[in-house]
Amino acid sequence: MNIILAQEPANDVTTPLHLLQPDYPTPYGVKSIDEIVVTLDRVYNYLETETAAKLIDATTKKEITDFKKLNQNSIFEPGAFRLTSYEWGVTYAGMTQITEATGDPKYADYTNKRLKLIADIAPFYLEKYKKDKDYPSPIVQSLQPHALDDAGAICAAMIKAKRAGLNAELQPLIDNFIDYISNKQFRFPDGTLARNRPQANTLWLDDLFMSVPALAQMGKLTGDNKYYDDAVKQVRQFSKRMFNEEKGLYMHGWVEAMDYHPEYRWARANGWAVMTLIELLDVLPKEHEGYQDVLEQLQAHIKGLVQYQDGTGFWHQLIDRNDSYLETSATAIYTYSIAKAINNGYIDKMAFSPVVILGWNAVATKVNDKGQVEGTCVGTGMGFDPAFYYHRPINVFAAHGYGPVLLAGSEVIKLIKANTFEINDSSLQLKVE
């Protein structure tokens, strides 16, 4: 005869309820470095397959190896992403930094072979442009930039690769990019970098990243303070017009002619801004007169951002509007920037590390089995109504997601290597040794 014993009900007397396992929507706790590398490797393997690493003849489909014999049919081999876009400038930097974090050279090799390819074919096209400015070229965007998008991120990545030891003729390209940023891009009378779209005399928050990191890296490369001075000026003058000190967030766009400036706090633009501050501080000499201002601006922005992190670990497309969708690229940029701020000693690691870990865990759920990054908003102009931002499409071929994921993983690895974490009374805590 089987005797069935009544099970004691779980209640406040019989069970430590505070230790019950929550049903988290995102994995909770610290991933191992090996687990992070597995995620990064999926992205690496996908991009190594899906981005060009050689030139071919568009007619014959054969590889071109003699770069003195290029012609109007010379193109990059087909791929899913463009090698000279600003998004790929971020990707190149991300690959370089994973090698710094892990010691594995394959990631930096991804960047180096593509940047060297661009450098190797540039002389041919520069010579052609002397006679025909419209000569077809797969790198026209880099040789004849028409916007900060064409110049800044790729320039910064090239200088980083050069400083890391890449042996390629990058300097002519770097000089061309910096000349565009410093001397050719439209500016306000006070020197603030601006555009004349979608309205005359418009500031795009995105343009901080499309200019300042390149200027900062050029300052580091040359030792010339004029580049640092311009970089700091941009941060100050953009922030004066566009930063909401109460919320700790930036608006996306500022139009001079408007009596009232609508504040649509688009997530990725705020990502470009916070990453700009991180990239500038990383090389700005501490004795520079603007160092403390930039540091305080970074601290204020991070404090603002963390107040809006969703319980899933993501941030929303419009940061302060919780009914807008959760967006991957911005979440990855914030994760990277806050992690690097901790690693560089700019902010309190005890206070902010759990935010970073949760952010990375969220981002990692969006790297699918193919290595594609899901949940990224496509390229986005500037709008002055909520529908524009709420309904921007997401797509795995939105190139903006890949570099930030690589950067975030690299910096989280460094954070985990340098610190110990524990689950204390069910919550993730930095362990004080």
Protein backbone atom coordinates (compact mmCIF):
# COMPACT_ATOMS: atom_id res chain seq x y z
CA MET A 1 0.00 0.00 0.00
CA ASN A 2 1.47 3.39 -1.05
CA ILE A 3 1.11 6.20 1.41
CA ILE A 4 1.02 9.71 -0.10
CA LEU A 5 2.26 12.36 2.28
CA ALA A 6 0.81 15.81 2.06
CA GLN A 7 3.41 18.35 0.82
CA GLU A 8 4.03 21.30 3.07
CA PRO A 9 2.92 24.51 1.32
CA ALA A 10 5.59 27.10 0.61
CA ASN A 11 4.96 30.08 2.78
CA ASP A 12 6.84 32.70 4.73
CA VAL A 13 7.44 30.23 7.56
CA THR A 14 8.56 27.19 5.58
CA THR A 15 10.48 28.83 2.72
CA PRO A 16 13.01 31.70 2.41
CA LEU A 17 10.86 33.48 -0.18
CA HIS A 18 13.50 36.11 -0.84
CA LEU A 19 15.67 33.36 -2.34
CA LEU A 20 13.06 32.11 -4.81
CA GLN A 21 14.44 32.16 -8.35
CA PRO A 22 12.98 35.03 -10.41
CA ASP A 23 11.79 34.40 -13.94
CA TYR A 24 14.20 36.81 -15.63
CA PRO A 25 13.50 37.65 -19.30
CA THR A 26 17.28 38.02 -19.85
CA PRO A 27 19.94 35.72 -18.36
CA TYR A 28 21.09 37.12 -15.02
CA GLY A 29 24.60 37.08 -13.61
CA VAL A 30 28.09 37.17 -15.08
CA LYS A 31 28.90 35.24 -18.23
CA SER A 32 32.29 33.56 -18.41
CA ILE A 33 34.89 35.01 -20.74
CA ASP A 34 34.64 31.84 -22.82
CA GLU A 35 30.90 32.37 -23.22
CA ILE A 36 31.46 35.97 -24.33
CA VAL A 37 34.07 34.86 -26.85
CA VAL A 38 31.66 32.29 -28.27
CA THR A 39 29.19 35.11 -28.97
CA LEU A 40 31.88 37.33 -30.47
CA ASP A 41 33.14 34.48 -32.62
CA ARG A 42 29.69 33.97 -34.12
CA VAL A 43 29.73 37.62 -35.20
CA TYR A 44 33.33 37.38 -36.41
CA ASN A 45 32.68 34.25 -38.48
CA TYR A 46 29.60 35.80 -40.07
CA LEU A 47 31.38 39.03 -40.95
CA GLU A 48 34.49 37.28 -42.22
CA THR A 49 32.24 35.48 -44.68
CA GLU A 50 29.91 38.35 -45.52
CA THR A 51 32.32 41.26 -46.05
CA ALA A 52 34.68 41.65 -48.97
CA ALA A 53 38.41 41.10 -48.56
CA LYS A 54 39.46 41.36 -52.21
CA LEU A 55 38.76 43.13 -55.49
CA ILE A 56 37.28 41.49 -58.54
CA ASP A 57 36.56 42.49 -62.12
CA ALA A 58 32.81 43.08 -62.37
CA THR A 59 32.75 41.60 -65.87
CA THR A 60 34.94 38.52 -65.52
CA LYS A 61 34.37 37.96 -61.77
CA LYS A 62 38.08 37.17 -61.43
CA GLU A 63 40.15 38.41 -58.51
CA ILE A 64 42.41 41.43 -59.15
CA THR A 65 45.83 41.18 -57.53
CA ASP A 66 47.80 43.74 -59.53
CA PHE A 67 46.55 47.08 -58.23
CA LYS A 68 48.39 48.98 -60.95
CA LYS A 69 46.02 47.43 -63.46
CA LEU A 70 42.70 48.45 -61.97
CA ASN A 71 40.01 49.75 -64.30
CA GLN A 72 36.44 51.03 -64.37
CA ASN A 73 35.13 47.53 -63.72
CA SER A 74 37.11 46.99 -60.53
CA ILE A 75 34.82 46.41 -57.54
CA PHE A 76 34.90 44.77 -54.15
CA GLU A 77 33.72 41.18 -54.20
CA PRO A 78 30.01 40.92 -53.31
CA GLY A 79 29.16 41.10 -49.61
CA ALA A 80 26.43 42.15 -47.22
CA PHE A 81 28.19 45.23 -45.85
CA ARG A 82 30.16 48.19 -47.23
CA LEU A 83 33.85 48.41 -46.35
CA THR A 84 34.01 52.23 -46.26
CA SER A 85 30.89 53.17 -44.30
CA TYR A 86 30.99 54.84 -40.89
CA GLU A 87 29.32 51.76 -39.45
CA TRP A 88 32.27 49.71 -40.63
CA GLY A 89 34.67 52.17 -39.06
CA VAL A 90 33.08 51.12 -35.76
CA THR A 91 33.36 47.46 -36.74
CA TYR A 92 37.06 47.80 -37.58
CA ALA A 93 37.69 49.43 -34.19
CA GLY A 94 35.71 46.68 -32.47
CA MET A 95 37.73 43.92 -34.08
CA THR A 96 41.00 45.63 -33.14
CA GLN A 97 39.87 45.96 -29.52
CA ILE A 98 38.84 42.32 -29.21
CA THR A 99 42.39 41.36 -30.08
CA GLU A 100 43.59 43.73 -27.35
CA ALA A 101 41.20 42.11 -24.87
CA THR A 102 41.80 38.46 -25.77
CA GLY A 103 45.24 38.33 -27.39
CA ASP A 104 43.80 36.48 -30.38
CA PRO A 105 45.15 38.15 -33.56
CA LYS A 106 42.41 36.96 -35.90
CA TYR A 107 40.08 39.84 -35.04
CA ALA A 108 42.63 42.55 -35.74
CA ASP A 109 43.57 40.65 -38.88
CA TYR A 110 39.99 41.12 -40.09
CA THR A 111 40.44 44.88 -39.81
CA ASN A 112 44.01 45.02 -41.06
CA LYS A 113 43.54 43.14 -44.30
CA ARG A 114 40.56 45.31 -45.27
CA LEU A 115 42.12 48.63 -44.33
CA LYS A 116 45.32 47.60 -46.13
CA LEU A 117 43.27 46.75 -49.22
CA ILE A 118 41.73 50.23 -49.18
CA ALA A 119 45.15 51.82 -48.71
CA ASP A 120 46.72 49.72 -51.47
CA ILE A 121 44.20 50.71 -54.13
CA ALA A 122 43.91 54.39 -53.15
CA PRO A 123 46.95 55.62 -55.18
CA PHE A 124 45.51 54.34 -58.45
CA TYR A 125 42.23 56.17 -57.98
CA LEU A 126 43.82 59.35 -56.66
CA GLU A 127 45.87 59.50 -59.84
CA LYS A 128 42.76 58.96 -61.96
CA TYR A 129 40.90 61.72 -60.13
CA LYS A 130 43.48 64.25 -61.27
CA LYS A 131 41.97 63.97 -64.75
CA ASP A 132 38.46 62.67 -64.06
CA LYS A 133 36.70 63.33 -60.74
CA ASP A 134 33.91 60.97 -61.81
CA TYR A 135 36.13 57.95 -62.48
CA PRO A 136 34.35 54.87 -61.01
CA SER A 137 35.92 53.74 -57.75
CA PRO A 138 34.86 51.36 -54.96
CA ILE A 139 36.37 53.78 -52.41
CA VAL A 140 35.07 57.09 -53.75
CA GLN A 141 33.35 57.70 -50.40
CA SER A 142 36.74 57.73 -48.69
CA LEU A 143 38.69 59.62 -51.33
CA GLN A 144 36.03 62.27 -51.97
CA PRO A 145 34.07 62.61 -48.71
CA HIS A 146 30.94 64.74 -48.85
CA ALA A 147 29.79 64.39 -45.25
CA LEU A 148 31.19 63.67 -41.81
CA ASP A 149 29.65 60.20 -42.16
CA ASP A 150 32.17 59.52 -44.92
CA ALA A 151 35.18 60.58 -42.88
CA GLY A 152 35.22 60.40 -39.10
CA ALA A 153 34.64 56.81 -38.04
CA ILE A 154 36.82 55.28 -40.76
CA CYS A 155 39.56 57.82 -40.04
CA ALA A 156 39.55 57.03 -36.31
CA ALA A 157 39.69 53.29 -37.04
CA MET A 158 42.62 53.77 -39.41
CA ILE A 159 44.59 55.75 -36.85
CA LYS A 160 43.89 53.13 -34.18
CA ALA A 161 45.04 50.37 -36.53
CA LYS A 162 48.16 52.36 -37.44
CA ARG A 163 48.96 52.92 -33.78
CA ALA A 164 48.44 49.19 -33.15
CA GLY A 165 51.09 48.37 -35.75
CA LEU A 166 49.33 47.97 -39.11
CA ASN A 167 51.92 48.38 -41.86
CA ALA A 168 49.98 50.07 -44.66
CA GLU A 169 50.03 53.43 -46.43
CA LEU A 170 47.17 54.84 -44.41
CA GLN A 171 48.53 58.33 -43.82
CA PRO A 172 47.36 59.89 -47.13
CA LEU A 173 43.83 58.66 -46.39
CA ILE A 174 43.99 59.86 -42.79
CA ASP A 175 45.21 63.29 -43.88
CA ASN A 176 42.43 63.53 -46.44
CA PHE A 177 39.77 62.66 -43.88
CA ILE A 178 41.09 65.14 -41.33
CA ASP A 179 41.32 67.88 -43.93
CA TYR A 180 37.65 67.34 -44.72
CA ILE A 181 36.60 67.42 -41.05
CA SER A 182 38.78 70.40 -40.15
CA ASN A 183 38.46 72.55 -43.26
CA LYS A 184 35.62 71.51 -45.54
CA GLN A 185 32.62 70.43 -43.48
CA PHE A 186 30.03 73.18 -42.95
CA ARG A 187 30.24 74.91 -39.55
CA PHE A 188 28.41 77.59 -37.61
CA PRO A 189 30.28 80.89 -37.17
CA ASP A 190 31.42 79.67 -33.72
CA GLY A 191 33.05 76.61 -35.32
CA THR A 192 30.39 74.03 -34.44
CA LEU A 193 30.16 71.29 -37.07
CA ALA A 194 26.71 71.41 -38.67
CA ARG A 195 24.61 70.40 -41.67
CA ASN A 196 22.04 72.06 -43.88
CA ARG A 197 19.58 69.19 -43.78
CA PRO A 198 16.81 68.49 -43.07
CA GLN A 199 16.72 72.22 -42.36
CA ALA A 200 19.28 74.98 -42.73
CA ASN A 201 21.78 75.27 -39.87
CA THR A 202 21.01 71.95 -38.18
CA LEU A 203 23.02 70.12 -35.54
CA TRP A 204 22.92 66.33 -35.61
CA LEU A 205 23.99 64.68 -32.36
CA ASP A 206 25.39 61.84 -34.51
CA ASP A 207 28.02 64.25 -35.83
CA LEU A 208 29.86 64.29 -32.52
CA PHE A 209 30.92 60.73 -33.24
CA MET A 210 31.45 61.39 -36.93
CA SER A 211 34.14 63.96 -36.07
CA VAL A 212 35.47 64.07 -32.51
CA PRO A 213 37.06 60.58 -32.21
CA ALA A 214 38.98 61.19 -35.46
CA LEU A 215 40.18 64.58 -34.23
CA ALA A 216 41.15 63.04 -30.89
CA GLN A 217 43.05 60.19 -32.53
CA MET A 218 44.82 62.68 -34.79
CA GLY A 219 45.86 64.62 -31.71
CA LYS A 220 47.30 61.43 -30.25
CA LEU A 221 49.02 60.49 -33.51
CA THR A 222 50.61 63.89 -34.14
CA GLY A 223 50.84 65.46 -30.70
CA ASP A 224 49.27 68.62 -32.14
CA ASN A 225 46.93 70.21 -29.60
CA LYS A 226 44.83 71.92 -32.27
CA TYR A 227 43.00 68.63 -32.86
CA TYR A 228 42.27 68.18 -29.17
CA ASP A 229 41.12 71.79 -28.96
CA ASP A 230 38.64 71.35 -31.80
CA ALA A 231 37.37 68.06 -30.33
CA VAL A 232 36.73 69.63 -26.93
CA LYS A 233 35.06 72.63 -28.57
CA GLN A 234 32.61 70.36 -30.38
CA VAL A 235 31.67 68.56 -27.15
CA ARG A 236 31.11 71.83 -25.31
CA GLN A 237 29.12 73.52 -28.06
CA PHE A 238 26.93 70.53 -28.92
CA SER A 239 26.25 69.90 -25.23
CA LYS A 240 25.35 73.53 -24.55
CA ARG A 241 22.62 73.40 -27.18
CA MET A 242 21.45 69.78 -26.97
CA PHE A 243 22.00 68.27 -23.49
CA ASN A 244 19.10 68.22 -21.03
CA GLU A 245 20.82 68.45 -17.65
CA GLU A 246 17.71 67.42 -15.72
CA LYS A 247 17.27 64.16 -17.63
CA GLY A 248 20.95 63.59 -18.40
CA LEU A 249 20.10 62.94 -22.06
CA TYR A 250 20.68 64.61 -25.42
CA MET A 251 18.08 65.54 -28.02
CA HIS A 252 18.73 64.14 -31.47
CA GLY A 253 18.52 67.31 -33.54
CA TRP A 254 18.74 71.09 -33.06
CA VAL A 255 17.62 73.56 -35.72
CA GLU A 256 18.77 77.14 -35.37
CA ALA A 257 15.59 78.66 -36.82
CA MET A 258 13.29 76.96 -34.31
CA ASP A 259 12.03 79.05 -31.39
CA TYR A 260 11.31 75.82 -29.53
CA HIS A 261 13.61 72.79 -29.83
CA PRO A 262 11.73 69.47 -29.72
CA GLU A 263 13.59 66.89 -27.63
CA TYR A 264 13.36 63.48 -29.23
CA ARG A 265 15.96 61.49 -27.34
CA TRP A 266 16.83 58.87 -29.92
CA ALA A 267 18.80 56.02 -28.41
CA ARG A 268 21.53 55.47 -30.98
CA ALA A 269 22.32 59.18 -31.29
CA ASN A 270 22.79 59.28 -27.51
CA GLY A 271 25.01 56.25 -28.02
CA TRP A 272 27.17 58.11 -30.50
CA ALA A 273 27.43 60.95 -28.00
CA VAL A 274 28.44 58.89 -24.97
CA MET A 275 30.91 56.90 -27.06
CA THR A 276 32.37 60.16 -28.35
CA LEU A 277 33.08 61.28 -24.79
CA ILE A 278 34.72 57.93 -24.00
CA GLU A 279 36.84 57.99 -27.14
CA LEU A 280 37.98 61.55 -26.50
CA LEU A 281 38.91 60.97 -22.86
CA ASP A 282 40.83 57.83 -23.84
CA VAL A 283 43.50 59.95 -25.55
CA LEU A 284 42.95 63.52 -24.30
CA PRO A 285 45.89 64.56 -22.08
CA LYS A 286 44.76 65.05 -18.49
CA GLU A 287 46.51 68.40 -18.43
CA HIS A 288 44.38 69.71 -21.31
CA GLU A 289 42.18 72.57 -20.10
CA GLY A 290 39.04 70.78 -21.34
CA TYR A 291 39.68 67.38 -19.75
CA GLN A 292 37.62 67.98 -16.61
CA ASP A 293 34.68 69.39 -18.58
CA VAL A 294 34.59 66.34 -20.86
CA LEU A 295 34.88 63.98 -17.87
CA GLU A 296 32.01 65.68 -16.05
CA GLN A 297 29.89 65.60 -19.20
CA LEU A 298 30.51 61.87 -19.52
CA GLN A 299 29.60 61.26 -15.89
CA ALA A 300 26.40 63.29 -16.21
CA HIS A 301 25.37 61.46 -19.37
CA ILE A 302 26.00 57.99 -17.93
CA LYS A 303 24.00 58.86 -14.81
CA GLY A 304 21.17 59.91 -17.08
CA LEU A 305 21.32 56.83 -19.27
CA VAL A 306 21.31 54.23 -16.50
CA GLN A 307 18.05 55.63 -15.11
CA TYR A 308 16.29 54.43 -18.26
CA GLN A 309 17.66 50.90 -18.65
CA ASP A 310 14.74 48.49 -19.06
CA GLY A 311 14.35 45.44 -16.83
CA THR A 312 15.33 43.30 -19.81
CA GLY A 313 18.73 45.01 -19.90
CA PHE A 314 17.96 46.90 -23.11
CA TRP A 315 17.26 50.57 -23.70
CA HIS A 316 14.32 51.85 -25.72
CA GLN A 317 14.42 53.37 -29.20
CA LEU A 318 13.32 56.67 -27.67
CA ILE A 319 15.14 56.37 -24.38
CA ASP A 320 12.55 57.97 -22.12
CA ARG A 321 9.48 56.49 -23.85
CA ASN A 322 8.95 52.97 -22.56
CA ASP A 323 6.36 52.11 -25.19
CA SER A 324 8.94 52.49 -27.96
CA TYR A 325 10.72 49.28 -28.92
CA LEU A 326 13.86 47.88 -27.31
CA GLU A 327 16.87 48.54 -29.54
CA THR A 328 20.09 46.53 -29.79
CA SER A 329 22.73 48.86 -31.25
CA ALA A 330 22.20 51.59 -28.66
CA THR A 331 22.19 49.03 -25.85
CA ALA A 332 25.51 47.67 -27.12
CA ILE A 333 27.01 51.17 -27.36
CA TYR A 334 25.94 52.04 -23.81
CA THR A 335 27.28 48.71 -22.54
CA TYR A 336 30.63 49.39 -24.18
CA SER A 337 30.85 52.99 -23.06
CA ILE A 338 29.86 52.40 -19.45
CA ALA A 339 32.18 49.38 -19.23
CA LYS A 340 35.08 51.42 -20.58
CA ALA A 341 34.26 54.27 -18.21
CA ILE A 342 34.55 51.80 -15.35
CA ASN A 343 37.73 50.21 -16.69
CA ASN A 344 39.36 53.61 -17.14
CA GLY A 345 38.34 54.79 -13.68
CA TYR A 346 35.92 57.52 -14.77
CA ILE A 347 32.93 56.24 -12.77
CA ASP A 348 32.17 54.11 -9.70
CA LYS A 349 32.60 50.46 -10.65
CA MET A 350 30.53 49.21 -7.71
CA ALA A 351 27.56 51.33 -8.75
CA PHE A 352 27.64 50.77 -12.49
CA SER A 353 29.09 47.29 -13.15
CA PRO A 354 25.76 45.44 -12.73
CA VAL A 355 24.22 47.70 -15.39
CA VAL A 356 27.00 46.69 -17.80
CA ILE A 357 26.65 42.97 -17.12
CA LEU A 358 22.89 43.11 -17.62
CA GLY A 359 23.38 45.12 -20.81
CA TRP A 360 25.81 42.59 -22.24
CA ASN A 361 23.53 39.67 -21.36
CA ALA A 362 20.73 41.42 -23.23
CA VAL A 363 22.87 42.16 -26.28
CA ALA A 364 24.13 38.56 -26.42
CA THR A 365 20.54 37.28 -26.78
CA LYS A 366 20.32 39.22 -30.06
CA VAL A 367 23.26 37.48 -31.74
CA ASN A 368 21.60 34.64 -33.59
CA ASP A 369 23.10 31.30 -34.57
CA LYS A 370 24.35 32.74 -37.88
CA GLY A 371 26.16 35.56 -36.08
CA GLN A 372 23.71 38.20 -37.24
CA VAL A 373 22.78 40.99 -34.84
CA GLU A 374 19.02 41.28 -34.47
CA GLY A 375 16.94 44.18 -33.20
CA THR A 376 18.94 47.04 -34.74
CA CYS A 377 17.24 50.15 -36.04
CA VAL A 378 18.13 50.92 -39.66
CA GLY A 379 19.81 54.16 -40.69
CA THR A 380 17.79 57.07 -39.40
CA GLY A 381 17.53 60.70 -40.38
CA MET A 382 16.07 63.39 -38.15
CA GLY A 383 12.39 63.81 -37.28
CA PHE A 384 10.27 66.09 -35.16
CA ASP A 385 7.36 63.78 -34.39
CA PRO A 386 7.25 60.53 -32.38
CA ALA A 387 5.90 58.32 -35.17
CA PHE A 388 9.11 58.78 -37.14
CA TYR A 389 11.21 57.18 -34.40
CA TYR A 390 8.66 54.66 -33.12
CA HIS A 391 8.27 53.01 -36.49
CA ARG A 392 11.80 52.94 -37.88
CA PRO A 393 12.36 49.39 -39.20
CA ILE A 394 14.79 46.93 -37.66
CA ASN A 395 16.92 44.64 -39.80
CA VAL A 396 19.81 42.17 -39.41
CA PHE A 397 21.57 43.98 -42.27
CA ALA A 398 21.52 47.29 -40.41
CA ALA A 399 25.29 47.64 -40.18
CA HIS A 400 25.08 49.82 -37.08
CA GLY A 401 24.70 46.83 -34.75
CA TYR A 402 27.87 44.88 -35.45
CA GLY A 403 30.68 47.18 -34.33
CA PRO A 404 28.96 48.09 -31.06
CA VAL A 405 28.46 44.41 -30.19
CA LEU A 406 32.15 43.73 -30.80
CA LEU A 407 33.18 46.76 -28.76
CA ALA A 408 30.85 45.85 -25.92
CA GLY A 409 32.14 42.29 -25.72
CA SER A 410 35.77 43.42 -25.74
CA GLU A 411 35.27 45.85 -22.88
CA VAL A 412 33.13 43.48 -20.81
CA ILE A 413 35.92 40.89 -21.07
CA LYS A 414 38.33 43.47 -19.63
CA LEU A 415 35.85 44.28 -16.85
CA ILE A 416 35.45 40.64 -15.88
CA LYS A 417 39.19 40.01 -15.98
CA ALA A 418 39.85 42.89 -13.59
CA ASN A 419 37.04 42.27 -11.09
CA THR A 420 35.19 39.58 -9.19
CA PHE A 421 31.42 39.35 -9.03
CA GLU A 422 29.04 37.37 -6.85
CA ILE A 423 25.36 36.76 -6.34
CA ASN A 424 24.64 38.18 -2.91
CA ASP A 425 21.10 37.71 -1.59
CA SER A 426 20.02 36.99 -5.19
CA SER A 427 21.43 40.21 -6.70
CA LEU A 428 24.56 40.66 -8.75
CA GLN A 429 27.22 42.54 -6.83
CA LEU A 430 30.79 43.57 -7.37
CA LYS A 431 32.79 41.61 -4.82
CA VAL A 432 35.05 43.77 -2.71
CA GLU A 433 38.28 41.90 -2.00
